[in-house]
Amino acid sequence: GAINDVDIYRVEVLASDLLNKSMHPGILEVPPAGPQDLNSLAHHPGEEFIHVLEGEITLYTEDYKPVDLKEGDSAYLDSTSGHRFVSRTQTPARILVVCSDITSETSEGE
């Protein structure tokens, strides 16, 4: 698939040749976080499912405590609630992400 840089992530878009699809799968390369990254949570319409393919991540959300996920773990989230993924090691992690909507906006924290 096509490789795009979105926010701090590198995204490999899957099924990019299909138009008008209701799910949007992609593989995100998730870098280690700089402190500035955690002030900025993504908000967009819909829901998303993530599955960790390689490495370990921390999932930060507005509504819950941070969750650590390792290879083979998955999570389902409400994309309208602020969220961010961060690699827990110095090596980027790779996660499969399936979004029900991809209109992405990043909001800056206070």
N, C-alpha and C. Protein backbone atom coordinates (compact mmCIF):
# COMPACT_ATOMS: atom_id res chain seq x y z
N GLY A 1 0.82 -1.21 0.00
CA GLY A 1 0.00 0.00 0.00
C GLY A 1 0.86 1.26 0.00
N ALA A 2 0.22 2.40 -0.13
CA ALA A 2 0.92 3.69 -0.14
C ALA A 2 1.43 4.00 1.27
N ILE A 3 2.57 4.66 1.35
CA ILE A 3 3.12 5.08 2.64
C ILE A 3 2.89 6.57 2.81
N ASN A 4 2.25 6.97 3.89
CA ASN A 4 2.00 8.38 4.16
C ASN A 4 2.51 8.70 5.56
N ASP A 5 2.97 9.93 5.76
CA ASP A 5 3.28 10.38 7.10
C ASP A 5 2.08 11.18 7.61
N VAL A 6 1.49 10.71 8.71
CA VAL A 6 0.33 11.36 9.29
C VAL A 6 0.66 11.65 10.74
N ASP A 7 0.64 12.93 11.11
CA ASP A 7 0.97 13.29 12.48
C ASP A 7 2.37 12.75 12.76
N ILE A 8 2.58 12.01 13.87
CA ILE A 8 3.91 11.47 14.15
C ILE A 8 4.07 10.05 13.61
N TYR A 9 3.05 9.53 12.96
CA TYR A 9 3.06 8.14 12.52
C TYR A 9 3.40 8.03 11.04
N ARG A 10 4.02 6.92 10.69
CA ARG A 10 4.13 6.55 9.28
C ARG A 10 3.06 5.50 9.03
N VAL A 11 2.25 5.70 8.01
CA VAL A 11 1.09 4.85 7.77
C VAL A 11 1.21 4.14 6.44
N GLU A 12 1.04 2.82 6.44
CA GLU A 12 0.90 2.06 5.21
C GLU A 12 -0.59 1.80 5.03
N VAL A 13 -1.17 2.44 4.03
CA VAL A 13 -2.62 2.32 3.80
C VAL A 13 -2.89 1.00 3.10
N LEU A 14 -3.81 0.21 3.66
CA LEU A 14 -4.19 -1.07 3.06
C LEU A 14 -5.51 -0.91 2.32
N ALA A 15 -5.73 -1.73 1.31
CA ALA A 15 -6.97 -1.68 0.52
C ALA A 15 -7.21 -0.29 -0.04
N SER A 16 -6.13 0.41 -0.41
CA SER A 16 -6.26 1.80 -0.84
C SER A 16 -6.94 1.94 -2.20
N ASP A 17 -7.03 0.83 -2.94
CA ASP A 17 -7.67 0.89 -4.26
C ASP A 17 -9.19 0.78 -4.17
N LEU A 18 -9.72 0.50 -2.97
CA LEU A 18 -11.18 0.42 -2.81
C LEU A 18 -11.72 1.79 -2.42
N LEU A 19 -12.74 2.24 -3.12
CA LEU A 19 -13.37 3.52 -2.80
C LEU A 19 -14.63 3.28 -1.99
N ASN A 20 -15.07 4.30 -1.29
CA ASN A 20 -16.34 4.27 -0.55
C ASN A 20 -16.43 3.11 0.43
N LYS A 21 -15.30 2.74 1.03
CA LYS A 21 -15.35 1.65 2.01
C LYS A 21 -15.73 2.21 3.38
N SER A 22 -16.35 1.37 4.20
CA SER A 22 -16.79 1.85 5.51
C SER A 22 -15.76 1.56 6.59
N MET A 23 -14.72 0.78 6.27
CA MET A 23 -13.62 0.57 7.21
C MET A 23 -12.33 0.98 6.51
N HIS A 24 -11.38 1.51 7.28
CA HIS A 24 -10.13 2.02 6.71
C HIS A 24 -8.96 1.37 7.42
N PRO A 25 -8.43 0.27 6.85
CA PRO A 25 -7.32 -0.42 7.51
C PRO A 25 -5.98 0.19 7.13
N GLY A 26 -5.05 0.14 8.06
CA GLY A 26 -3.70 0.59 7.78
C GLY A 26 -2.75 0.04 8.81
N ILE A 27 -1.47 0.07 8.48
CA ILE A 27 -0.44 -0.31 9.43
C ILE A 27 0.31 0.95 9.83
N LEU A 28 0.32 1.25 11.12
CA LEU A 28 1.00 2.43 11.64
C LEU A 28 2.35 2.04 12.20
N GLU A 29 3.37 2.81 11.84
CA GLU A 29 4.65 2.71 12.52
C GLU A 29 4.61 3.75 13.63
N VAL A 30 4.73 3.30 14.87
CA VAL A 30 4.54 4.16 16.03
C VAL A 30 5.90 4.44 16.66
N PRO A 31 6.37 5.70 16.61
CA PRO A 31 7.68 6.01 17.16
C PRO A 31 7.64 6.18 18.67
N PRO A 32 8.82 6.16 19.31
CA PRO A 32 8.87 6.53 20.72
C PRO A 32 8.40 7.97 20.86
N ALA A 33 7.86 8.33 22.01
CA ALA A 33 7.28 9.66 22.18
C ALA A 33 8.32 10.66 22.64
N GLY A 34 8.23 11.86 22.11
CA GLY A 34 8.84 13.00 22.77
C GLY A 34 7.80 13.55 23.73
N PRO A 35 8.22 14.29 24.76
CA PRO A 35 7.24 14.82 25.73
C PRO A 35 6.16 15.66 25.07
N GLN A 36 6.51 16.35 23.98
CA GLN A 36 5.53 17.22 23.32
C GLN A 36 4.41 16.40 22.68
N ASP A 37 4.68 15.16 22.34
CA ASP A 37 3.67 14.35 21.65
C ASP A 37 2.47 14.05 22.54
N LEU A 38 2.70 13.97 23.84
CA LEU A 38 1.61 13.57 24.73
C LEU A 38 0.67 14.72 25.04
N ASN A 39 1.05 15.93 24.65
CA ASN A 39 0.15 17.06 24.84
C ASN A 39 -0.89 17.14 23.73
N SER A 40 -0.71 16.33 22.72
CA SER A 40 -1.52 16.45 21.53
C SER A 40 -2.20 15.11 21.27
N LEU A 41 -3.51 15.06 21.48
CA LEU A 41 -4.26 13.82 21.27
C LEU A 41 -5.09 13.94 20.01
N ALA A 42 -5.19 12.85 19.26
CA ALA A 42 -5.98 12.85 18.03
C ALA A 42 -7.45 12.64 18.36
N HIS A 43 -8.32 13.36 17.65
CA HIS A 43 -9.78 13.18 17.74
C HIS A 43 -10.29 13.06 16.32
N HIS A 44 -11.13 12.09 16.06
CA HIS A 44 -11.79 12.03 14.75
C HIS A 44 -13.07 11.23 14.91
N PRO A 45 -13.98 11.35 13.97
CA PRO A 45 -15.26 10.63 14.10
C PRO A 45 -15.04 9.12 14.06
N GLY A 46 -15.99 8.38 14.58
CA GLY A 46 -15.99 6.94 14.41
C GLY A 46 -15.34 6.18 15.55
N GLU A 47 -14.97 4.96 15.23
CA GLU A 47 -14.37 4.03 16.18
C GLU A 47 -13.16 3.41 15.51
N GLU A 48 -12.26 2.82 16.32
CA GLU A 48 -11.14 2.11 15.71
C GLU A 48 -10.73 0.91 16.53
N PHE A 49 -10.22 -0.06 15.80
CA PHE A 49 -9.69 -1.30 16.38
C PHE A 49 -8.20 -1.31 16.10
N ILE A 50 -7.39 -1.62 17.11
CA ILE A 50 -5.95 -1.74 16.89
C ILE A 50 -5.46 -3.09 17.36
N HIS A 51 -4.42 -3.59 16.69
CA HIS A 51 -3.80 -4.87 17.04
C HIS A 51 -2.29 -4.69 16.89
N VAL A 52 -1.54 -5.00 17.94
CA VAL A 52 -0.09 -4.79 17.92
C VAL A 52 0.59 -5.93 17.16
N LEU A 53 1.26 -5.58 16.06
CA LEU A 53 1.96 -6.56 15.23
C LEU A 53 3.39 -6.79 15.70
N GLU A 54 4.07 -5.72 16.05
CA GLU A 54 5.48 -5.82 16.49
C GLU A 54 5.72 -4.77 17.56
N GLY A 55 6.50 -5.14 18.58
CA GLY A 55 6.89 -4.17 19.59
C GLY A 55 5.85 -4.03 20.69
N GLU A 56 5.95 -2.94 21.44
CA GLU A 56 5.03 -2.65 22.54
C GLU A 56 4.66 -1.18 22.48
N ILE A 57 3.40 -0.88 22.79
CA ILE A 57 2.96 0.51 22.77
C ILE A 57 2.26 0.85 24.08
N THR A 58 2.16 2.13 24.35
CA THR A 58 1.25 2.63 25.37
C THR A 58 0.16 3.40 24.63
N LEU A 59 -1.08 3.10 24.98
CA LEU A 59 -2.24 3.80 24.44
C LEU A 59 -2.68 4.83 25.48
N TYR A 60 -2.60 6.11 25.10
CA TYR A 60 -3.06 7.20 25.96
C TYR A 60 -4.42 7.65 25.47
N THR A 61 -5.37 7.82 26.40
CA THR A 61 -6.69 8.33 26.03
C THR A 61 -7.12 9.39 27.04
N GLU A 62 -8.10 10.19 26.63
CA GLU A 62 -8.65 11.22 27.52
C GLU A 62 -9.38 10.62 28.70
N ASP A 63 -10.04 9.51 28.48
CA ASP A 63 -11.02 9.03 29.46
C ASP A 63 -10.51 7.92 30.38
N TYR A 64 -9.37 7.31 30.03
CA TYR A 64 -8.89 6.17 30.80
C TYR A 64 -7.42 6.33 31.12
N LYS A 65 -6.94 5.53 32.08
CA LYS A 65 -5.52 5.51 32.38
C LYS A 65 -4.77 4.93 31.17
N PRO A 66 -3.48 5.29 31.01
CA PRO A 66 -2.71 4.71 29.90
C PRO A 66 -2.69 3.17 29.98
N VAL A 67 -2.74 2.53 28.82
CA VAL A 67 -2.75 1.07 28.75
C VAL A 67 -1.54 0.61 27.96
N ASP A 68 -0.79 -0.34 28.52
CA ASP A 68 0.35 -0.92 27.80
C ASP A 68 -0.11 -2.14 27.03
N LEU A 69 0.26 -2.18 25.76
CA LEU A 69 -0.12 -3.30 24.89
C LEU A 69 1.15 -3.88 24.27
N LYS A 70 1.24 -5.21 24.23
CA LYS A 70 2.39 -5.84 23.61
C LYS A 70 1.95 -6.63 22.38
N GLU A 71 2.92 -7.19 21.67
CA GLU A 71 2.63 -7.92 20.44
C GLU A 71 1.51 -8.93 20.68
N GLY A 72 0.50 -8.90 19.81
CA GLY A 72 -0.63 -9.81 19.93
C GLY A 72 -1.81 -9.22 20.69
N ASP A 73 -1.60 -8.11 21.41
CA ASP A 73 -2.70 -7.47 22.14
C ASP A 73 -3.50 -6.57 21.19
N SER A 74 -4.75 -6.32 21.56
CA SER A 74 -5.58 -5.44 20.75
C SER A 74 -6.45 -4.57 21.65
N ALA A 75 -7.02 -3.54 21.05
CA ALA A 75 -7.89 -2.62 21.78
C ALA A 75 -8.92 -2.07 20.81
N TYR A 76 -10.05 -1.64 21.35
CA TYR A 76 -11.13 -1.05 20.56
C TYR A 76 -11.46 0.28 21.21
N LEU A 77 -11.48 1.36 20.43
CA LEU A 77 -11.71 2.65 21.05
C LEU A 77 -12.64 3.54 20.27
N ASP A 78 -13.19 4.48 21.02
CA ASP A 78 -14.04 5.52 20.47
C ASP A 78 -13.10 6.62 19.98
N SER A 79 -13.04 6.82 18.67
CA SER A 79 -12.07 7.76 18.09
C SER A 79 -12.40 9.22 18.41
N THR A 80 -13.63 9.50 18.86
CA THR A 80 -13.98 10.88 19.18
C THR A 80 -13.34 11.31 20.49
N SER A 81 -12.94 10.34 21.31
CA SER A 81 -12.22 10.63 22.54
C SER A 81 -10.73 10.75 22.20
N GLY A 82 -10.06 11.75 22.76
CA GLY A 82 -8.65 11.97 22.42
C GLY A 82 -7.82 10.72 22.68
N HIS A 83 -6.89 10.41 21.76
CA HIS A 83 -6.07 9.22 21.90
C HIS A 83 -4.73 9.39 21.19
N ARG A 84 -3.75 8.64 21.64
CA ARG A 84 -2.42 8.64 21.02
C ARG A 84 -1.72 7.33 21.34
N PHE A 85 -0.94 6.84 20.36
CA PHE A 85 -0.15 5.63 20.54
C PHE A 85 1.33 6.02 20.60
N VAL A 86 2.08 5.36 21.48
CA VAL A 86 3.50 5.65 21.64
C VAL A 86 4.25 4.33 21.82
N SER A 87 5.39 4.17 21.15
CA SER A 87 6.21 2.98 21.36
C SER A 87 6.80 3.03 22.76
N ARG A 88 6.85 1.88 23.44
CA ARG A 88 7.40 1.81 24.80
C ARG A 88 8.91 1.61 24.78
N THR A 89 9.49 1.38 23.61
CA THR A 89 10.93 1.18 23.51
C THR A 89 11.49 2.21 22.52
N GLN A 90 12.79 2.20 22.32
CA GLN A 90 13.39 3.13 21.36
C GLN A 90 13.16 2.70 19.91
N THR A 91 12.61 1.50 19.73
CA THR A 91 12.32 1.00 18.38
C THR A 91 10.86 1.29 18.05
N PRO A 92 10.57 1.77 16.85
CA PRO A 92 9.15 1.96 16.49
C PRO A 92 8.39 0.63 16.55
N ALA A 93 7.16 0.70 17.02
CA ALA A 93 6.27 -0.46 17.02
C ALA A 93 5.45 -0.42 15.73
N ARG A 94 4.85 -1.54 15.36
CA ARG A 94 3.95 -1.59 14.20
C ARG A 94 2.60 -2.10 14.67
N ILE A 95 1.55 -1.37 14.34
CA ILE A 95 0.21 -1.79 14.73
C ILE A 95 -0.72 -1.75 13.53
N LEU A 96 -1.64 -2.71 13.50
CA LEU A 96 -2.73 -2.69 12.53
C LEU A 96 -3.83 -1.83 13.12
N VAL A 97 -4.30 -0.86 12.35
CA VAL A 97 -5.39 0.01 12.79
C VAL A 97 -6.51 -0.06 11.77
N VAL A 98 -7.72 -0.28 12.23
CA VAL A 98 -8.90 -0.24 11.35
C VAL A 98 -9.84 0.82 11.90
N CYS A 99 -10.00 1.92 11.14
CA CYS A 99 -10.86 3.03 11.56
C CYS A 99 -12.17 2.97 10.79
N SER A 100 -13.26 3.37 11.47
CA SER A 100 -14.53 3.44 10.75
C SER A 100 -14.69 4.80 10.06
N ASP A 101 -13.79 5.73 10.36
CA ASP A 101 -13.82 7.04 9.69
C ASP A 101 -12.40 7.58 9.75
N ILE A 102 -11.96 8.30 8.71
CA ILE A 102 -10.56 8.74 8.72
C ILE A 102 -10.41 10.25 8.62
N THR A 103 -11.46 11.00 8.97
CA THR A 103 -11.33 12.45 9.00
C THR A 103 -10.57 12.81 10.26
N SER A 104 -9.26 13.00 10.17
CA SER A 104 -8.45 13.16 11.36
C SER A 104 -8.16 14.63 11.67
N GLU A 105 -8.33 14.98 12.93
CA GLU A 105 -7.94 16.31 13.39
C GLU A 105 -7.16 16.11 14.67
N THR A 106 -6.10 16.87 14.83
CA THR A 106 -5.32 16.79 16.06
C THR A 106 -5.60 18.05 16.86
N SER A 107 -5.90 17.87 18.13
CA SER A 107 -6.15 19.04 18.96
C SER A 107 -5.01 19.19 19.94
N GLU A 108 -4.58 20.41 20.15
CA GLU A 108 -3.48 20.67 21.07
C GLU A 108 -4.01 20.66 22.49
N GLY A 109 -3.22 20.11 23.41
CA GLY A 109 -3.59 20.12 24.83
C GLY A 109 -3.42 21.51 25.42
N GLU A 110 -3.94 21.69 26.61
CA GLU A 110 -3.84 23.00 27.28
C GLU A 110 -2.42 23.27 27.71
